[in-house]
Amino acid sequence: MGSDKKSSAARSARIEEMRRAEKARERRNRLLVIAAGVVVVAGLVAGGVVLVRSQSDDGGGAAADSKSSGTFVTGADGVRKWKGELGRNHVTKAVDYPVSPPVGGDHNPVWMNCNGDVYGDEINDTNAVHSLEHGAVWVTYNASADKGDVDALAAKVKKTPYTLMSPVDGQKDPIVLSAWGHQRTVTGADDPALDAFFEKFVQGEQTPEPGAACTNGLSE
């Protein structure tokens, strides 16, 4: 009888030890799960902070640098080609472009409609640059441009998809044609260089996003 009691007590002791060991493993597993969850949450929070900061960088405050650097090189055909970097980031604040009118650079997420659209007032550079990214040609003029030429240019633009037109009072020359990374002046609506520029650069090889929309953007 005595030996049976000892054996029973020993078994009970082993069972209790096994239970304690199992409980200890369960506690360790719970701690590991909690620790893994903390790491995941921390990663998500960090990612959210980065996203918020990135979005904050795109909006509000002073004008942003265009993330563009370089200079124009004029070809034999009179077209000035931008040699250097042209940023393509989307920003929601004004951009300080190195040339006026701009030929590329960081720009607003929304483009100006450029399906032969003629604007009577100045438009936002950052929206127009987005249109250039889609392969549009932007016709601009200042107060020195002849009214007859302005009217004739408007008529041509209205018949040409992937073009837009607006006044830019700050530009140096009376009439300027701009495409992504390219620009030239023309003497008037009957200048042969006008048709040549349209033919080469409307949805031309310079287009960063060929076939992208010129409708469903901003209309004014």
N, C-alpha and C. Protein backbone atom coordinates (compact mmCIF):
# COMPACT_ATOMS: atom_id res chain seq x y z
N MET A 1 0.83 -1.21 0.00
CA MET A 1 0.00 0.00 0.00
C MET A 1 0.86 1.24 0.00
N GLY A 2 1.93 1.20 0.84
CA GLY A 2 2.80 2.37 0.94
C GLY A 2 3.44 2.71 -0.38
N SER A 3 3.89 1.67 -1.09
CA SER A 3 4.55 1.93 -2.38
C SER A 3 3.55 2.48 -3.39
N ASP A 4 2.29 2.01 -3.34
CA ASP A 4 1.27 2.52 -4.27
C ASP A 4 1.02 4.00 -4.03
N LYS A 5 0.97 4.36 -2.72
CA LYS A 5 0.75 5.77 -2.40
C LYS A 5 1.89 6.62 -2.91
N LYS A 6 3.14 6.09 -2.77
CA LYS A 6 4.30 6.84 -3.25
C LYS A 6 4.27 7.00 -4.76
N SER A 7 3.87 5.93 -5.46
CA SER A 7 3.79 5.99 -6.92
C SER A 7 2.73 6.98 -7.35
N SER A 8 1.59 6.96 -6.66
CA SER A 8 0.51 7.88 -7.00
C SER A 8 0.94 9.32 -6.77
N ALA A 9 1.64 9.53 -5.67
CA ALA A 9 2.11 10.88 -5.36
C ALA A 9 3.11 11.35 -6.39
N ALA A 10 3.98 10.42 -6.84
CA ALA A 10 4.98 10.78 -7.85
C ALA A 10 4.32 11.14 -9.16
N ARG A 11 3.27 10.34 -9.54
CA ARG A 11 2.56 10.65 -10.78
C ARG A 11 1.88 12.01 -10.70
N SER A 12 1.26 12.26 -9.55
CA SER A 12 0.59 13.55 -9.37
C SER A 12 1.58 14.70 -9.47
N ALA A 13 2.75 14.48 -8.90
CA ALA A 13 3.78 15.52 -8.96
C ALA A 13 4.22 15.78 -10.39
N ARG A 14 4.41 14.67 -11.15
CA ARG A 14 4.84 14.82 -12.56
C ARG A 14 3.75 15.53 -13.38
N ILE A 15 2.47 15.14 -13.11
CA ILE A 15 1.36 15.76 -13.85
C ILE A 15 1.30 17.26 -13.54
N GLU A 16 1.49 17.58 -12.26
CA GLU A 16 1.46 19.00 -11.87
C GLU A 16 2.62 19.77 -12.52
N GLU A 17 3.78 19.13 -12.57
CA GLU A 17 4.94 19.76 -13.21
C GLU A 17 4.69 19.99 -14.68
N MET A 18 4.05 18.97 -15.34
CA MET A 18 3.74 19.10 -16.75
C MET A 18 2.74 20.23 -16.98
N ARG A 19 1.74 20.36 -16.08
CA ARG A 19 0.76 21.44 -16.20
C ARG A 19 1.43 22.80 -16.08
N ARG A 20 2.36 22.91 -15.11
CA ARG A 20 3.05 24.19 -14.93
C ARG A 20 3.88 24.53 -16.18
N ALA A 21 4.52 23.49 -16.73
CA ALA A 21 5.33 23.71 -17.94
C ALA A 21 4.46 24.15 -19.11
N GLU A 22 3.27 23.51 -19.23
CA GLU A 22 2.35 23.86 -20.32
C GLU A 22 1.85 25.30 -20.16
N LYS A 23 1.53 25.68 -18.92
CA LYS A 23 1.09 27.05 -18.67
C LYS A 23 2.20 28.05 -19.01
N ALA A 24 3.43 27.67 -18.69
CA ALA A 24 4.55 28.55 -18.98
C ALA A 24 4.71 28.74 -20.50
N ARG A 25 4.55 27.64 -21.27
CA ARG A 25 4.64 27.73 -22.73
C ARG A 25 3.53 28.62 -23.28
N GLU A 26 2.31 28.46 -22.70
CA GLU A 26 1.19 29.28 -23.16
C GLU A 26 1.46 30.76 -22.92
N ARG A 27 2.05 31.07 -21.74
CA ARG A 27 2.36 32.48 -21.45
C ARG A 27 3.40 33.01 -22.43
N ARG A 28 4.42 32.18 -22.72
CA ARG A 28 5.45 32.62 -23.67
C ARG A 28 4.84 32.87 -25.04
N ASN A 29 3.95 31.98 -25.49
CA ASN A 29 3.32 32.12 -26.80
C ASN A 29 2.48 33.40 -26.87
N ARG A 30 1.73 33.66 -25.76
CA ARG A 30 0.92 34.88 -25.74
C ARG A 30 1.80 36.12 -25.84
N LEU A 31 2.92 36.10 -25.12
CA LEU A 31 3.84 37.23 -25.16
C LEU A 31 4.41 37.42 -26.56
N LEU A 32 4.73 36.31 -27.24
CA LEU A 32 5.26 36.41 -28.60
C LEU A 32 4.22 37.00 -29.56
N VAL A 33 2.97 36.56 -29.41
CA VAL A 33 1.89 37.08 -30.27
C VAL A 33 1.72 38.57 -30.03
N ILE A 34 1.70 38.97 -28.75
CA ILE A 34 1.54 40.39 -28.42
C ILE A 34 2.69 41.20 -28.99
N ALA A 35 3.91 40.68 -28.84
CA ALA A 35 5.08 41.40 -29.34
C ALA A 35 5.01 41.56 -30.86
N ALA A 36 4.60 40.49 -31.56
CA ALA A 36 4.47 40.57 -33.02
C ALA A 36 3.42 41.60 -33.41
N GLY A 37 2.31 41.63 -32.66
CA GLY A 37 1.26 42.61 -32.95
C GLY A 37 1.75 44.03 -32.76
N VAL A 38 2.54 44.25 -31.73
CA VAL A 38 3.09 45.59 -31.48
C VAL A 38 3.98 46.02 -32.63
N VAL A 39 4.81 45.11 -33.13
CA VAL A 39 5.69 45.43 -34.26
C VAL A 39 4.88 45.81 -35.49
N VAL A 40 3.82 45.02 -35.77
CA VAL A 40 2.98 45.31 -36.94
C VAL A 40 2.31 46.67 -36.82
N VAL A 41 1.73 46.94 -35.64
CA VAL A 41 1.07 48.23 -35.41
C VAL A 41 2.06 49.38 -35.54
N ALA A 42 3.24 49.20 -34.97
CA ALA A 42 4.25 50.25 -35.06
C ALA A 42 4.62 50.53 -36.51
N GLY A 43 4.72 49.45 -37.30
CA GLY A 43 5.03 49.63 -38.71
C GLY A 43 3.94 50.38 -39.44
N LEU A 44 2.68 50.05 -39.13
CA LEU A 44 1.56 50.74 -39.77
C LEU A 44 1.53 52.21 -39.38
N VAL A 45 1.79 52.48 -38.10
CA VAL A 45 1.80 53.88 -37.65
C VAL A 45 2.91 54.65 -38.33
N ALA A 46 4.10 54.04 -38.42
CA ALA A 46 5.21 54.72 -39.08
C ALA A 46 4.90 55.00 -40.53
N GLY A 47 4.29 54.01 -41.20
CA GLY A 47 3.91 54.21 -42.59
C GLY A 47 2.90 55.31 -42.75
N GLY A 48 1.95 55.38 -41.79
CA GLY A 48 0.95 56.44 -41.85
C GLY A 48 1.58 57.81 -41.66
N VAL A 49 2.57 57.90 -40.76
CA VAL A 49 3.25 59.17 -40.55
C VAL A 49 3.96 59.61 -41.81
N VAL A 50 4.65 58.66 -42.46
CA VAL A 50 5.36 58.99 -43.71
C VAL A 50 4.38 59.46 -44.76
N LEU A 51 3.21 58.77 -44.86
CA LEU A 51 2.21 59.15 -45.86
C LEU A 51 1.68 60.55 -45.58
N VAL A 52 1.36 60.82 -44.32
CA VAL A 52 0.83 62.13 -43.95
C VAL A 52 1.86 63.21 -44.25
N ARG A 53 3.13 62.94 -43.91
CA ARG A 53 4.16 63.93 -44.20
C ARG A 53 4.31 64.16 -45.69
N SER A 54 4.24 63.07 -46.44
CA SER A 54 4.34 63.21 -47.90
C SER A 54 3.21 64.04 -48.45
N GLN A 55 1.97 63.79 -47.94
CA GLN A 55 0.84 64.57 -48.40
C GLN A 55 0.96 66.02 -47.95
N SER A 56 1.49 66.23 -46.75
CA SER A 56 1.65 67.59 -46.26
C SER A 56 2.66 68.34 -47.12
N ASP A 57 3.69 67.64 -47.60
CA ASP A 57 4.67 68.28 -48.45
C ASP A 57 4.06 68.75 -49.75
N ASP A 58 2.95 68.13 -50.18
CA ASP A 58 2.33 68.47 -51.44
C ASP A 58 1.37 69.64 -51.34
N GLY A 59 1.00 70.05 -50.16
CA GLY A 59 -0.02 71.08 -50.08
C GLY A 59 0.29 72.12 -49.03
N GLY A 60 -0.19 73.35 -49.30
CA GLY A 60 -0.05 74.42 -48.33
C GLY A 60 1.34 75.02 -48.33
N GLY A 61 1.45 76.14 -47.68
CA GLY A 61 2.74 76.77 -47.55
C GLY A 61 3.17 77.52 -48.79
N ALA A 62 4.44 77.85 -48.83
CA ALA A 62 4.99 78.62 -49.94
C ALA A 62 5.07 77.78 -51.20
N ALA A 63 5.39 78.45 -52.31
CA ALA A 63 5.50 77.75 -53.58
C ALA A 63 6.62 76.72 -53.52
N ALA A 64 6.38 75.59 -54.15
CA ALA A 64 7.38 74.53 -54.17
C ALA A 64 8.36 74.75 -55.30
N ASP A 65 9.58 74.26 -55.10
CA ASP A 65 10.52 74.22 -56.22
C ASP A 65 9.99 73.24 -57.24
N SER A 66 10.28 73.48 -58.51
CA SER A 66 9.70 72.66 -59.56
C SER A 66 10.37 71.30 -59.69
N LYS A 67 11.42 71.04 -58.90
CA LYS A 67 12.21 69.82 -59.04
C LYS A 67 12.77 69.70 -60.47
N SER A 68 12.97 70.86 -61.12
CA SER A 68 13.48 70.89 -62.48
C SER A 68 14.76 71.72 -62.50
N SER A 69 15.73 71.24 -63.24
CA SER A 69 16.97 71.99 -63.38
C SER A 69 17.51 71.76 -64.78
N GLY A 70 18.11 72.79 -65.35
CA GLY A 70 18.66 72.66 -66.69
C GLY A 70 18.58 73.98 -67.42
N THR A 71 18.61 73.91 -68.73
CA THR A 71 18.55 75.11 -69.55
C THR A 71 18.05 74.76 -70.94
N PHE A 72 17.66 75.77 -71.70
CA PHE A 72 17.21 75.55 -73.06
C PHE A 72 18.41 75.51 -74.02
N VAL A 73 18.30 74.65 -75.00
CA VAL A 73 19.24 74.63 -76.12
C VAL A 73 18.41 74.77 -77.39
N THR A 74 18.72 75.78 -78.19
CA THR A 74 17.92 76.07 -79.38
C THR A 74 18.45 75.31 -80.59
N GLY A 75 17.55 74.60 -81.27
CA GLY A 75 17.92 73.83 -82.44
C GLY A 75 17.86 74.66 -83.71
N ALA A 76 18.27 74.06 -84.81
CA ALA A 76 18.27 74.76 -86.08
C ALA A 76 16.87 75.14 -86.53
N ASP A 77 15.86 74.43 -86.05
CA ASP A 77 14.48 74.72 -86.43
C ASP A 77 13.85 75.79 -85.55
N GLY A 78 14.63 76.35 -84.64
CA GLY A 78 14.11 77.40 -83.77
C GLY A 78 13.42 76.90 -82.52
N VAL A 79 13.33 75.60 -82.35
CA VAL A 79 12.69 75.03 -81.17
C VAL A 79 13.71 74.95 -80.03
N ARG A 80 13.33 75.45 -78.88
CA ARG A 80 14.18 75.37 -77.70
C ARG A 80 13.86 74.07 -76.96
N LYS A 81 14.87 73.27 -76.75
CA LYS A 81 14.71 71.99 -76.06
C LYS A 81 15.32 72.09 -74.67
N TRP A 82 14.57 71.64 -73.68
CA TRP A 82 15.05 71.68 -72.31
C TRP A 82 16.07 70.58 -72.07
N LYS A 83 17.27 70.98 -71.68
CA LYS A 83 18.33 70.03 -71.36
C LYS A 83 18.47 69.98 -69.84
N GLY A 84 18.05 68.91 -69.27
CA GLY A 84 18.11 68.77 -67.83
C GLY A 84 16.93 67.99 -67.31
N GLU A 85 16.71 68.10 -66.02
CA GLU A 85 15.67 67.31 -65.35
C GLU A 85 14.35 68.07 -65.34
N LEU A 86 13.26 67.35 -65.55
CA LEU A 86 11.92 67.89 -65.39
C LEU A 86 11.16 66.98 -64.43
N GLY A 87 10.87 67.49 -63.24
CA GLY A 87 10.15 66.69 -62.26
C GLY A 87 8.76 66.34 -62.75
N ARG A 88 8.22 65.24 -62.21
CA ARG A 88 6.88 64.81 -62.60
C ARG A 88 6.03 64.44 -61.37
N ASN A 89 6.36 64.99 -60.23
CA ASN A 89 5.59 64.70 -59.03
C ASN A 89 4.29 65.50 -59.02
N HIS A 90 3.28 64.96 -58.36
CA HIS A 90 2.02 65.68 -58.18
C HIS A 90 2.09 66.50 -56.90
N VAL A 91 1.78 67.79 -57.01
CA VAL A 91 1.78 68.69 -55.87
C VAL A 91 0.50 69.51 -55.91
N THR A 92 0.08 70.01 -54.75
CA THR A 92 -1.17 70.76 -54.69
C THR A 92 -0.94 72.23 -54.36
N LYS A 93 0.30 72.66 -54.34
CA LYS A 93 0.58 74.08 -54.13
C LYS A 93 1.25 74.66 -55.37
N ALA A 94 1.43 75.97 -55.38
CA ALA A 94 2.06 76.63 -56.52
C ALA A 94 3.49 76.14 -56.68
N VAL A 95 3.98 76.18 -57.91
CA VAL A 95 5.34 75.71 -58.21
C VAL A 95 6.12 76.87 -58.83
N ASP A 96 7.34 77.03 -58.38
CA ASP A 96 8.22 78.08 -58.91
C ASP A 96 8.99 77.51 -60.10
N TYR A 97 8.43 77.65 -61.29
CA TYR A 97 9.06 77.10 -62.48
C TYR A 97 10.21 77.99 -62.96
N PRO A 98 11.24 77.39 -63.56
CA PRO A 98 12.40 78.19 -63.99
C PRO A 98 12.14 79.02 -65.24
N VAL A 99 11.09 78.70 -66.02
CA VAL A 99 10.77 79.48 -67.22
C VAL A 99 9.27 79.74 -67.26
N SER A 100 8.89 80.78 -67.99
CA SER A 100 7.47 81.11 -68.16
C SER A 100 7.19 81.39 -69.64
N PRO A 101 6.23 80.64 -70.21
CA PRO A 101 5.45 79.55 -69.61
C PRO A 101 6.33 78.33 -69.34
N PRO A 102 5.99 77.52 -68.37
CA PRO A 102 6.78 76.32 -68.08
C PRO A 102 6.62 75.25 -69.16
N VAL A 103 7.62 74.39 -69.27
CA VAL A 103 7.57 73.29 -70.24
C VAL A 103 7.58 71.93 -69.57
N GLY A 104 7.39 71.91 -68.27
CA GLY A 104 7.39 70.65 -67.53
C GLY A 104 7.78 70.89 -66.09
N GLY A 105 7.78 69.83 -65.32
CA GLY A 105 8.11 69.91 -63.92
C GLY A 105 6.97 69.37 -63.06
N ASP A 106 7.15 69.42 -61.77
CA ASP A 106 6.09 68.98 -60.85
C ASP A 106 4.83 69.77 -61.13
N HIS A 107 3.67 69.14 -60.94
CA HIS A 107 2.43 69.77 -61.37
C HIS A 107 1.25 69.27 -60.55
N ASN A 108 0.13 69.96 -60.72
CA ASN A 108 -1.09 69.61 -60.01
C ASN A 108 -1.62 68.25 -60.47
N PRO A 109 -2.25 67.48 -59.57
CA PRO A 109 -2.79 66.18 -59.98
C PRO A 109 -3.88 66.27 -61.05
N VAL A 110 -4.50 67.45 -61.21
CA VAL A 110 -5.58 67.62 -62.18
C VAL A 110 -5.08 68.44 -63.36
N TRP A 111 -5.34 67.98 -64.56
CA TRP A 111 -4.90 68.68 -65.75
C TRP A 111 -5.96 69.68 -66.20
N MET A 112 -5.52 70.67 -67.00
CA MET A 112 -6.48 71.53 -67.68
C MET A 112 -7.01 70.78 -68.90
N ASN A 113 -8.30 70.92 -69.15
CA ASN A 113 -8.83 70.32 -70.37
C ASN A 113 -8.08 70.87 -71.58
N CYS A 114 -7.70 69.99 -72.46
CA CYS A 114 -6.84 70.37 -73.58
C CYS A 114 -7.32 69.74 -74.88
N ASN A 115 -8.63 69.60 -75.00
CA ASN A 115 -9.22 69.04 -76.20
C ASN A 115 -9.65 70.18 -77.14
N GLY A 116 -8.67 71.03 -77.50
CA GLY A 116 -8.98 72.21 -78.29
C GLY A 116 -9.62 73.30 -77.44
N ASP A 117 -9.24 73.39 -76.17
CA ASP A 117 -9.85 74.35 -75.25
C ASP A 117 -9.14 75.71 -75.30
N VAL A 118 -9.92 76.76 -75.42
CA VAL A 118 -9.40 78.13 -75.44
C VAL A 118 -9.90 78.86 -74.20
N TYR A 119 -8.97 79.39 -73.40
CA TYR A 119 -9.30 80.06 -72.15
C TYR A 119 -9.06 81.56 -72.32
N GLY A 120 -10.05 82.35 -71.93
CA GLY A 120 -9.94 83.80 -72.07
C GLY A 120 -9.12 84.44 -70.98
N ASP A 121 -8.96 83.76 -69.85
CA ASP A 121 -8.18 84.28 -68.73
C ASP A 121 -6.98 83.37 -68.46
N GLU A 122 -6.05 83.90 -67.69
CA GLU A 122 -4.88 83.09 -67.34
C GLU A 122 -5.31 81.86 -66.55
N ILE A 123 -4.60 80.78 -66.75
CA ILE A 123 -4.89 79.53 -66.06
C ILE A 123 -3.71 79.18 -65.15
N ASN A 124 -3.94 78.22 -64.28
CA ASN A 124 -2.90 77.81 -63.35
C ASN A 124 -1.81 77.03 -64.08
N ASP A 125 -0.56 77.49 -63.93
CA ASP A 125 0.57 76.82 -64.58
C ASP A 125 0.63 75.33 -64.24
N THR A 126 0.37 75.01 -62.97
CA THR A 126 0.56 73.63 -62.54
C THR A 126 -0.44 72.68 -63.19
N ASN A 127 -1.64 73.19 -63.51
CA ASN A 127 -2.62 72.37 -64.22
C ASN A 127 -2.25 72.25 -65.70
N ALA A 128 -1.78 73.35 -66.28
CA ALA A 128 -1.39 73.33 -67.70
C ALA A 128 -0.20 72.41 -67.93
N VAL A 129 0.74 72.38 -67.00
CA VAL A 129 1.90 71.49 -67.14
C VAL A 129 1.46 70.03 -67.15
N HIS A 130 0.43 69.72 -66.37
CA HIS A 130 -0.10 68.35 -66.41
C HIS A 130 -0.64 68.03 -67.80
N SER A 131 -1.25 69.02 -68.45
CA SER A 131 -1.73 68.81 -69.83
C SER A 131 -0.56 68.53 -70.77
N LEU A 132 0.55 69.24 -70.57
CA LEU A 132 1.74 68.99 -71.40
C LEU A 132 2.23 67.55 -71.20
N GLU A 133 2.15 67.07 -69.96
CA GLU A 133 2.57 65.70 -69.68
C GLU A 133 1.72 64.70 -70.47
N HIS A 134 0.48 65.07 -70.77
CA HIS A 134 -0.41 64.20 -71.54
C HIS A 134 -0.22 64.34 -73.05
N GLY A 135 0.73 65.20 -73.45
CA GLY A 135 1.02 65.33 -74.87
C GLY A 135 0.36 66.51 -75.55
N ALA A 136 -0.12 67.47 -74.76
CA ALA A 136 -0.77 68.65 -75.33
C ALA A 136 0.25 69.71 -75.71
N VAL A 137 -0.14 70.56 -76.66
CA VAL A 137 0.61 71.77 -76.98
C VAL A 137 -0.17 72.94 -76.41
N TRP A 138 0.54 73.82 -75.71
CA TRP A 138 -0.07 74.97 -75.04
C TRP A 138 0.32 76.23 -75.79
N VAL A 139 -0.67 76.91 -76.36
CA VAL A 139 -0.46 78.17 -77.07
C VAL A 139 -0.74 79.31 -76.09
N THR A 140 0.25 80.19 -75.90
CA THR A 140 0.08 81.30 -74.98
C THR A 140 0.43 82.62 -75.67
N TYR A 141 -0.13 83.71 -75.16
CA TYR A 141 0.12 85.03 -75.75
C TYR A 141 0.05 86.08 -74.65
N ASN A 142 0.70 87.21 -74.91
CA ASN A 142 0.63 88.31 -73.95
C ASN A 142 -0.11 89.49 -74.57
N ALA A 143 -0.13 90.61 -73.88
CA ALA A 143 -0.91 91.76 -74.32
C ALA A 143 -0.37 92.37 -75.62
N SER A 144 0.87 92.05 -75.99
CA SER A 144 1.45 92.59 -77.22
C SER A 144 1.02 91.84 -78.47
N ALA A 145 0.41 90.69 -78.31
CA ALA A 145 0.00 89.89 -79.47
C ALA A 145 -1.12 90.58 -80.24
N ASP A 146 -1.04 90.48 -81.56
CA ASP A 146 -2.06 91.07 -82.42
C ASP A 146 -3.40 90.35 -82.22
N LYS A 147 -4.47 91.11 -82.10
CA LYS A 147 -5.78 90.51 -81.84
C LYS A 147 -6.20 89.58 -82.98
N GLY A 148 -5.88 89.96 -84.22
CA GLY A 148 -6.21 89.09 -85.34
C GLY A 148 -5.50 87.75 -85.24
N ASP A 149 -4.23 87.78 -84.82
CA ASP A 149 -3.49 86.53 -84.64
C ASP A 149 -4.08 85.71 -83.50
N VAL A 150 -4.46 86.37 -82.41
CA VAL A 150 -5.05 85.65 -81.27
C VAL A 150 -6.33 84.95 -81.71
N ASP A 151 -7.17 85.65 -82.47
CA ASP A 151 -8.42 85.04 -82.94
C ASP A 151 -8.15 83.86 -83.87
N ALA A 152 -7.18 84.02 -84.78
CA ALA A 152 -6.86 82.95 -85.72
C ALA A 152 -6.25 81.74 -85.00
N LEU A 153 -5.41 82.01 -84.02
CA LEU A 153 -4.83 80.92 -83.22
C LEU A 153 -5.92 80.17 -82.46
N ALA A 154 -6.87 80.92 -81.89
CA ALA A 154 -7.96 80.29 -81.15
C ALA A 154 -8.77 79.38 -82.06
N ALA A 155 -9.02 79.83 -83.29
CA ALA A 155 -9.78 79.01 -84.24
C ALA A 155 -9.03 77.72 -84.55
N LYS A 156 -7.71 77.81 -84.68
CA LYS A 156 -6.91 76.61 -84.98
C LYS A 156 -6.89 75.66 -83.80
N VAL A 157 -6.74 76.21 -82.61
CA VAL A 157 -6.71 75.37 -81.41
C VAL A 157 -8.03 74.62 -81.25
N LYS A 158 -9.14 75.32 -81.47
CA LYS A 158 -10.45 74.70 -81.29
C LYS A 158 -10.65 73.50 -82.21
N LYS A 159 -9.92 73.45 -83.31
CA LYS A 159 -10.04 72.33 -84.25
C LYS A 159 -9.01 71.24 -84.01
N THR A 160 -8.15 71.42 -83.00
CA THR A 160 -7.03 70.50 -82.81
C THR A 160 -7.07 69.84 -81.44
N PRO A 161 -7.40 68.56 -81.37
CA PRO A 161 -7.34 67.86 -80.08
C PRO A 161 -5.93 67.89 -79.50
N TYR A 162 -5.84 67.79 -78.20
CA TYR A 162 -4.58 67.85 -77.46
C TYR A 162 -3.87 69.19 -77.65
N THR A 163 -4.65 70.27 -77.66
CA THR A 163 -4.11 71.62 -77.59
C THR A 163 -4.95 72.44 -76.63
N LEU A 164 -4.37 73.50 -76.12
CA LEU A 164 -5.09 74.47 -75.30
C LEU A 164 -4.44 75.82 -75.49
N MET A 165 -5.15 76.86 -75.13
CA MET A 165 -4.66 78.22 -75.37
C MET A 165 -5.12 79.13 -74.23
N SER A 166 -4.22 80.04 -73.82
CA SER A 166 -4.57 80.99 -72.76
C SER A 166 -3.59 82.15 -72.78
N PRO A 167 -3.97 83.29 -72.21
CA PRO A 167 -3.01 84.39 -72.06
C PRO A 167 -2.05 84.13 -70.92
N VAL A 168 -0.81 84.58 -71.08
CA VAL A 168 0.20 84.55 -70.02
C VAL A 168 0.88 85.92 -70.05
N ASP A 169 0.43 86.83 -69.21
CA ASP A 169 0.92 88.19 -69.26
C ASP A 169 2.41 88.31 -68.99
N GLY A 170 2.95 87.40 -68.20
CA GLY A 170 4.35 87.51 -67.82
C GLY A 170 5.35 86.98 -68.83
N GLN A 171 4.90 86.40 -69.93
CA GLN A 171 5.86 85.83 -70.89
C GLN A 171 6.52 86.95 -71.70
N LYS A 172 7.73 86.66 -72.15
CA LYS A 172 8.55 87.67 -72.82
C LYS A 172 8.06 87.97 -74.24
N ASP A 173 7.71 86.92 -74.99
CA ASP A 173 7.35 87.08 -76.40
C ASP A 173 5.84 87.11 -76.58
N PRO A 174 5.35 87.74 -77.66
CA PRO A 174 3.90 87.86 -77.86
C PRO A 174 3.19 86.52 -77.98
N ILE A 175 3.77 85.57 -78.73
CA ILE A 175 3.12 84.27 -78.94
C ILE A 175 4.15 83.17 -78.70
N VAL A 176 3.80 82.21 -77.86
CA VAL A 176 4.71 81.12 -77.51
C VAL A 176 3.97 79.79 -77.63
N LEU A 177 4.65 78.79 -78.16
CA LEU A 177 4.13 77.42 -78.23
C LEU A 177 4.95 76.56 -77.28
N SER A 178 4.27 75.79 -76.43
CA SER A 178 4.98 74.95 -75.45
C SER A 178 4.47 73.52 -75.51
N ALA A 179 5.41 72.59 -75.45
CA ALA A 179 5.12 71.17 -75.28
C ALA A 179 6.04 70.68 -74.16
N TRP A 180 5.86 69.45 -73.73
CA TRP A 180 6.70 68.93 -72.64
C TRP A 180 8.18 68.96 -73.08
N GLY A 181 8.96 69.81 -72.41
CA GLY A 181 10.40 69.90 -72.67
C GLY A 181 10.76 70.69 -73.92
N HIS A 182 9.80 71.32 -74.58
CA HIS A 182 10.08 72.04 -75.83
C HIS A 182 9.26 73.33 -75.88
N GLN A 183 9.84 74.33 -76.57
CA GLN A 183 9.16 75.62 -76.68
C GLN A 183 9.72 76.41 -77.85
N ARG A 184 8.87 77.24 -78.44
CA ARG A 184 9.35 78.17 -79.46
C ARG A 184 8.37 79.34 -79.57
N THR A 185 8.85 80.43 -80.15
CA THR A 185 7.99 81.56 -80.46
C THR A 185 7.61 81.50 -81.93
N VAL A 186 6.48 82.12 -82.26
CA VAL A 186 6.07 82.27 -83.66
C VAL A 186 5.67 83.72 -83.88
N THR A 187 5.74 84.15 -85.12
CA THR A 187 5.46 85.55 -85.43
C THR A 187 3.96 85.83 -85.53
N GLY A 188 3.17 84.80 -85.77
CA GLY A 188 1.74 85.00 -85.90
C GLY A 188 1.05 83.71 -86.28
N ALA A 189 -0.25 83.79 -86.53
CA ALA A 189 -1.04 82.60 -86.84
C ALA A 189 -0.66 81.99 -88.18
N ASP A 190 -0.08 82.81 -89.09
CA ASP A 190 0.28 82.29 -90.41
C ASP A 190 1.74 81.87 -90.51
N ASP A 191 2.45 81.86 -89.39
CA ASP A 191 3.85 81.42 -89.37
C ASP A 191 3.89 79.91 -89.64
N PRO A 192 4.64 79.46 -90.69
CA PRO A 192 4.72 78.01 -90.98
C PRO A 192 5.23 77.19 -89.79
N ALA A 193 6.00 77.82 -88.90
CA ALA A 193 6.53 77.10 -87.74
C ALA A 193 5.42 76.64 -86.82
N LEU A 194 4.26 77.31 -86.87
CA LEU A 194 3.13 76.91 -86.04
C LEU A 194 2.65 75.51 -86.39
N ASP A 195 2.37 75.29 -87.67
CA ASP A 195 1.91 73.97 -88.10
C ASP A 195 2.97 72.91 -87.87
N ALA A 196 4.23 73.27 -88.10
CA ALA A 196 5.32 72.31 -87.89
C ALA A 196 5.41 71.89 -86.43
N PHE A 197 5.22 72.85 -85.52
CA PHE A 197 5.28 72.53 -84.09
C PHE A 197 4.12 71.64 -83.70
N PHE A 198 2.92 71.98 -84.18
CA PHE A 198 1.76 71.14 -83.89
C PHE A 198 1.97 69.71 -84.40
N GLU A 199 2.44 69.61 -85.62
CA GLU A 199 2.61 68.28 -86.22
C GLU A 199 3.60 67.43 -85.45
N LYS A 200 4.65 68.06 -84.94
CA LYS A 200 5.70 67.29 -84.26
C LYS A 200 5.38 67.00 -82.81
N PHE A 201 4.70 67.93 -82.12
CA PHE A 201 4.61 67.81 -80.67
C PHE A 201 3.22 67.50 -80.13
N VAL A 202 2.16 67.63 -80.91
CA VAL A 202 0.85 67.18 -80.43
C VAL A 202 0.89 65.66 -80.34
N GLN A 203 0.86 65.14 -79.10
CA GLN A 203 1.02 63.70 -78.85
C GLN A 203 2.31 63.18 -79.49
N GLY A 204 3.36 64.00 -79.44
CA GLY A 204 4.63 63.65 -80.05
C GLY A 204 5.46 62.71 -79.19
N GLU A 205 6.67 62.44 -79.68
CA GLU A 205 7.55 61.49 -78.99
C GLU A 205 7.98 61.98 -77.61
N GLN A 206 7.90 63.28 -77.38
CA GLN A 206 8.30 63.84 -76.08
C GLN A 206 7.30 63.56 -74.98
N THR A 207 6.11 63.08 -75.33
CA THR A 207 5.01 62.93 -74.37
C THR A 207 5.32 61.89 -73.29
N PRO A 208 5.36 62.28 -72.02
CA PRO A 208 5.61 61.30 -70.96
C PRO A 208 4.47 60.30 -70.80
N GLU A 209 3.22 60.74 -71.04
CA GLU A 209 2.06 59.86 -70.87
C GLU A 209 1.19 59.88 -72.13
N PRO A 210 1.66 59.26 -73.19
CA PRO A 210 0.89 59.29 -74.45
C PRO A 210 -0.48 58.63 -74.29
N GLY A 211 -1.49 59.27 -74.86
CA GLY A 211 -2.84 58.72 -74.81
C GLY A 211 -3.62 59.08 -73.56
N ALA A 212 -2.96 59.75 -72.59
CA ALA A 212 -3.69 60.15 -71.37
C ALA A 212 -4.73 61.20 -71.73
N ALA A 213 -5.74 61.33 -70.89
CA ALA A 213 -6.91 62.15 -71.22
C ALA A 213 -6.60 63.63 -71.31
N CYS A 214 -7.33 64.31 -72.18
CA CYS A 214 -7.32 65.78 -72.24
C CYS A 214 -8.72 66.33 -71.94
N THR A 215 -9.59 65.48 -71.44
CA THR A 215 -10.93 65.87 -71.01
C THR A 215 -11.12 65.42 -69.56
N ASN A 216 -12.26 65.84 -68.98
CA ASN A 216 -12.58 65.49 -67.59
C ASN A 216 -11.59 66.03 -66.58
N GLY A 217 -10.88 67.11 -66.97
CA GLY A 217 -10.02 67.82 -66.04
C GLY A 217 -10.67 69.12 -65.62
N LEU A 218 -9.88 70.17 -65.48
CA LEU A 218 -10.41 71.49 -65.16
C LEU A 218 -10.82 72.19 -66.45
N SER A 219 -11.92 72.92 -66.39
CA SER A 219 -12.39 73.62 -67.57
C SER A 219 -12.28 75.13 -67.45
N GLU A 220 -11.80 75.61 -66.30
CA GLU A 220 -11.60 77.05 -66.13
C GLU A 220 -10.68 77.31 -64.96
